[in-house]
Amino acid sequence: MTPVFFQAIGNGRVSLFLSVMRQIFCLIPIFWALSLLGLQFTWFAFPISEVLVGVTGMGVYWRTINGWKNSRK
């Protein structure tokens, strides 16, 4: 959801960063690492990747929201 939020507010760079982070920097290396344990473990790459990107996205989201609050003061 966070990439959609950043697209909606016109911050496409953050949205692109989160999407690329999920696909290239999280999903592919996690797939590779889990495939070394066995192919049945590779399915765990999806939830692990989503959690990592979700935590990162929420961090950027809170920083953005707090920036808006501080700019109004």
N, C-alpha and C. Protein backbone atom coordinates (compact mmCIF):
# COMPACT_ATOMS: atom_id res chain seq x y z
N MET A 1 0.81 -1.20 0.00
CA MET A 1 0.00 0.00 0.00
C MET A 1 0.85 1.26 0.00
N THR A 2 2.02 1.22 0.59
CA THR A 2 2.80 2.45 0.67
C THR A 2 3.26 2.94 -0.70
N PRO A 3 3.63 2.07 -1.66
CA PRO A 3 3.96 2.62 -2.98
C PRO A 3 2.78 3.36 -3.62
N VAL A 4 1.57 2.86 -3.39
CA VAL A 4 0.38 3.52 -3.94
C VAL A 4 0.17 4.87 -3.27
N PHE A 5 0.40 4.95 -1.96
CA PHE A 5 0.28 6.22 -1.25
C PHE A 5 1.23 7.25 -1.83
N PHE A 6 2.49 6.87 -2.04
CA PHE A 6 3.47 7.83 -2.54
C PHE A 6 3.18 8.22 -3.99
N GLN A 7 2.61 7.33 -4.77
CA GLN A 7 2.18 7.71 -6.12
C GLN A 7 1.04 8.72 -6.04
N ALA A 8 0.13 8.50 -5.11
CA ALA A 8 -1.03 9.39 -4.98
C ALA A 8 -0.64 10.80 -4.57
N ILE A 9 0.39 10.94 -3.75
CA ILE A 9 0.79 12.28 -3.33
C ILE A 9 1.81 12.90 -4.28
N GLY A 10 2.11 12.20 -5.37
CA GLY A 10 3.01 12.76 -6.37
C GLY A 10 4.48 12.53 -6.10
N ASN A 11 4.80 11.58 -5.25
CA ASN A 11 6.18 11.27 -4.94
C ASN A 11 6.54 9.92 -5.59
N GLY A 12 6.71 9.95 -6.90
CA GLY A 12 6.96 8.75 -7.65
C GLY A 12 8.31 8.12 -7.38
N ARG A 13 9.28 8.93 -6.96
CA ARG A 13 10.62 8.38 -6.69
C ARG A 13 10.58 7.40 -5.54
N VAL A 14 9.89 7.74 -4.48
CA VAL A 14 9.80 6.83 -3.33
C VAL A 14 9.01 5.58 -3.72
N SER A 15 7.95 5.76 -4.48
CA SER A 15 7.17 4.62 -4.94
C SER A 15 8.02 3.68 -5.80
N LEU A 16 8.80 4.25 -6.70
CA LEU A 16 9.69 3.44 -7.53
C LEU A 16 10.75 2.76 -6.69
N PHE A 17 11.32 3.49 -5.73
CA PHE A 17 12.33 2.90 -4.84
C PHE A 17 11.77 1.69 -4.11
N LEU A 18 10.56 1.79 -3.56
CA LEU A 18 9.96 0.68 -2.83
C LEU A 18 9.68 -0.50 -3.73
N SER A 19 9.22 -0.24 -4.94
CA SER A 19 8.95 -1.32 -5.89
C SER A 19 10.22 -2.03 -6.31
N VAL A 20 11.26 -1.26 -6.61
CA VAL A 20 12.54 -1.85 -7.01
C VAL A 20 13.16 -2.58 -5.83
N MET A 21 13.04 -2.01 -4.65
CA MET A 21 13.58 -2.67 -3.46
C MET A 21 12.93 -4.03 -3.27
N ARG A 22 11.63 -4.10 -3.45
CA ARG A 22 10.91 -5.37 -3.28
C ARG A 22 11.37 -6.39 -4.30
N GLN A 23 11.42 -5.99 -5.56
CA GLN A 23 11.71 -6.95 -6.63
C GLN A 23 13.18 -7.33 -6.71
N ILE A 24 14.06 -6.34 -6.75
CA ILE A 24 15.47 -6.57 -7.05
C ILE A 24 16.29 -6.84 -5.78
N PHE A 25 16.12 -6.00 -4.78
CA PHE A 25 17.00 -6.09 -3.61
C PHE A 25 16.51 -7.05 -2.54
N CYS A 26 15.23 -7.37 -2.54
CA CYS A 26 14.72 -8.29 -1.53
C CYS A 26 14.34 -9.65 -2.11
N LEU A 27 13.43 -9.64 -3.07
CA LEU A 27 12.85 -10.89 -3.53
C LEU A 27 13.88 -11.82 -4.18
N ILE A 28 14.68 -11.32 -5.09
CA ILE A 28 15.63 -12.17 -5.81
C ILE A 28 16.70 -12.74 -4.86
N PRO A 29 17.37 -11.92 -4.03
CA PRO A 29 18.36 -12.52 -3.13
C PRO A 29 17.75 -13.49 -2.10
N ILE A 30 16.55 -13.19 -1.62
CA ILE A 30 15.91 -14.08 -0.66
C ILE A 30 15.54 -15.40 -1.34
N PHE A 31 15.02 -15.33 -2.57
CA PHE A 31 14.74 -16.55 -3.33
C PHE A 31 16.00 -17.40 -3.46
N TRP A 32 17.09 -16.76 -3.83
CA TRP A 32 18.34 -17.50 -4.02
C TRP A 32 18.79 -18.14 -2.71
N ALA A 33 18.77 -17.38 -1.62
CA ALA A 33 19.23 -17.90 -0.33
C ALA A 33 18.35 -19.06 0.14
N LEU A 34 17.05 -18.92 -0.02
CA LEU A 34 16.16 -19.98 0.43
C LEU A 34 16.21 -21.20 -0.48
N SER A 35 16.55 -21.01 -1.75
CA SER A 35 16.67 -22.16 -2.65
C SER A 35 17.84 -23.05 -2.26
N LEU A 36 18.82 -22.50 -1.56
CA LEU A 36 19.93 -23.31 -1.08
C LEU A 36 19.47 -24.28 -0.01
N LEU A 37 18.42 -23.92 0.73
CA LEU A 37 17.86 -24.80 1.75
C LEU A 37 16.96 -25.86 1.15
N GLY A 38 16.33 -25.54 0.04
CA GLY A 38 15.39 -26.45 -0.62
C GLY A 38 14.31 -25.64 -1.32
N LEU A 39 13.79 -26.20 -2.39
CA LEU A 39 12.81 -25.45 -3.18
C LEU A 39 11.51 -25.20 -2.42
N GLN A 40 11.17 -26.05 -1.47
CA GLN A 40 9.93 -25.83 -0.71
C GLN A 40 10.01 -24.59 0.17
N PHE A 41 11.22 -24.11 0.46
CA PHE A 41 11.38 -22.92 1.30
C PHE A 41 11.29 -21.61 0.51
N THR A 42 11.38 -21.68 -0.82
CA THR A 42 11.40 -20.45 -1.61
C THR A 42 10.11 -19.66 -1.51
N TRP A 43 9.01 -20.31 -1.17
CA TRP A 43 7.74 -19.60 -1.04
C TRP A 43 7.76 -18.60 0.10
N PHE A 44 8.64 -18.81 1.06
CA PHE A 44 8.75 -17.87 2.17
C PHE A 44 9.37 -16.55 1.74
N ALA A 45 9.94 -16.50 0.54
CA ALA A 45 10.55 -15.26 0.05
C ALA A 45 9.51 -14.16 -0.12
N PHE A 46 8.31 -14.52 -0.52
CA PHE A 46 7.27 -13.50 -0.71
C PHE A 46 6.90 -12.79 0.58
N PRO A 47 6.51 -13.51 1.64
CA PRO A 47 6.16 -12.78 2.87
C PRO A 47 7.35 -12.06 3.51
N ILE A 48 8.54 -12.65 3.43
CA ILE A 48 9.72 -11.99 3.99
C ILE A 48 9.98 -10.68 3.26
N SER A 49 9.91 -10.71 1.94
CA SER A 49 10.13 -9.51 1.14
C SER A 49 9.07 -8.45 1.43
N GLU A 50 7.83 -8.87 1.54
CA GLU A 50 6.75 -7.93 1.82
C GLU A 50 6.92 -7.27 3.18
N VAL A 51 7.34 -8.03 4.17
CA VAL A 51 7.54 -7.46 5.51
C VAL A 51 8.69 -6.44 5.48
N LEU A 52 9.80 -6.78 4.83
CA LEU A 52 10.93 -5.86 4.76
C LEU A 52 10.55 -4.55 4.07
N VAL A 53 9.87 -4.66 2.94
CA VAL A 53 9.48 -3.46 2.21
C VAL A 53 8.37 -2.72 2.96
N GLY A 54 7.49 -3.44 3.61
CA GLY A 54 6.44 -2.80 4.39
C GLY A 54 6.99 -1.98 5.54
N VAL A 55 7.97 -2.52 6.25
CA VAL A 55 8.59 -1.79 7.35
C VAL A 55 9.32 -0.55 6.82
N THR A 56 10.05 -0.72 5.73
CA THR A 56 10.74 0.42 5.12
C THR A 56 9.74 1.47 4.65
N GLY A 57 8.68 1.03 3.98
CA GLY A 57 7.66 1.95 3.50
C GLY A 57 6.97 2.70 4.62
N MET A 58 6.69 2.00 5.72
CA MET A 58 6.05 2.68 6.85
C MET A 58 6.99 3.69 7.49
N GLY A 59 8.27 3.39 7.52
CA GLY A 59 9.23 4.35 8.04
C GLY A 59 9.27 5.62 7.22
N VAL A 60 9.28 5.46 5.89
CA VAL A 60 9.28 6.63 5.01
C VAL A 60 7.93 7.36 5.11
N TYR A 61 6.85 6.60 5.25
CA TYR A 61 5.52 7.19 5.41
C TYR A 61 5.46 8.07 6.66
N TRP A 62 5.92 7.54 7.81
CA TRP A 62 5.88 8.32 9.04
C TRP A 62 6.77 9.54 8.96
N ARG A 63 7.93 9.40 8.30
CA ARG A 63 8.81 10.55 8.13
C ARG A 63 8.14 11.62 7.28
N THR A 64 7.42 11.22 6.25
CA THR A 64 6.71 12.16 5.38
C THR A 64 5.59 12.86 6.14
N ILE A 65 4.80 12.09 6.88
CA ILE A 65 3.69 12.66 7.65
C ILE A 65 4.21 13.63 8.70
N ASN A 66 5.27 13.25 9.40
CA ASN A 66 5.85 14.15 10.41
C ASN A 66 6.44 15.39 9.77
N GLY A 67 6.97 15.27 8.57
CA GLY A 67 7.48 16.45 7.85
C GLY A 67 6.36 17.42 7.52
N TRP A 68 5.19 16.89 7.17
CA TRP A 68 4.05 17.76 6.91
C TRP A 68 3.61 18.46 8.20
N LYS A 69 3.59 17.71 9.29
CA LYS A 69 3.15 18.32 10.57
C LYS A 69 4.12 19.41 11.00
N ASN A 70 5.42 19.16 10.84
CA ASN A 70 6.41 20.15 11.26
C ASN A 70 6.42 21.38 10.36
N SER A 71 6.07 21.21 9.10
CA SER A 71 6.06 22.35 8.18
C SER A 71 4.87 23.28 8.45
N ARG A 72 3.83 22.78 9.09
CA ARG A 72 2.65 23.60 9.39
C ARG A 72 2.83 24.42 10.65
N LYS A 73 3.81 24.10 11.46
CA LYS A 73 4.00 24.83 12.72
C LYS A 73 4.70 26.13 12.49
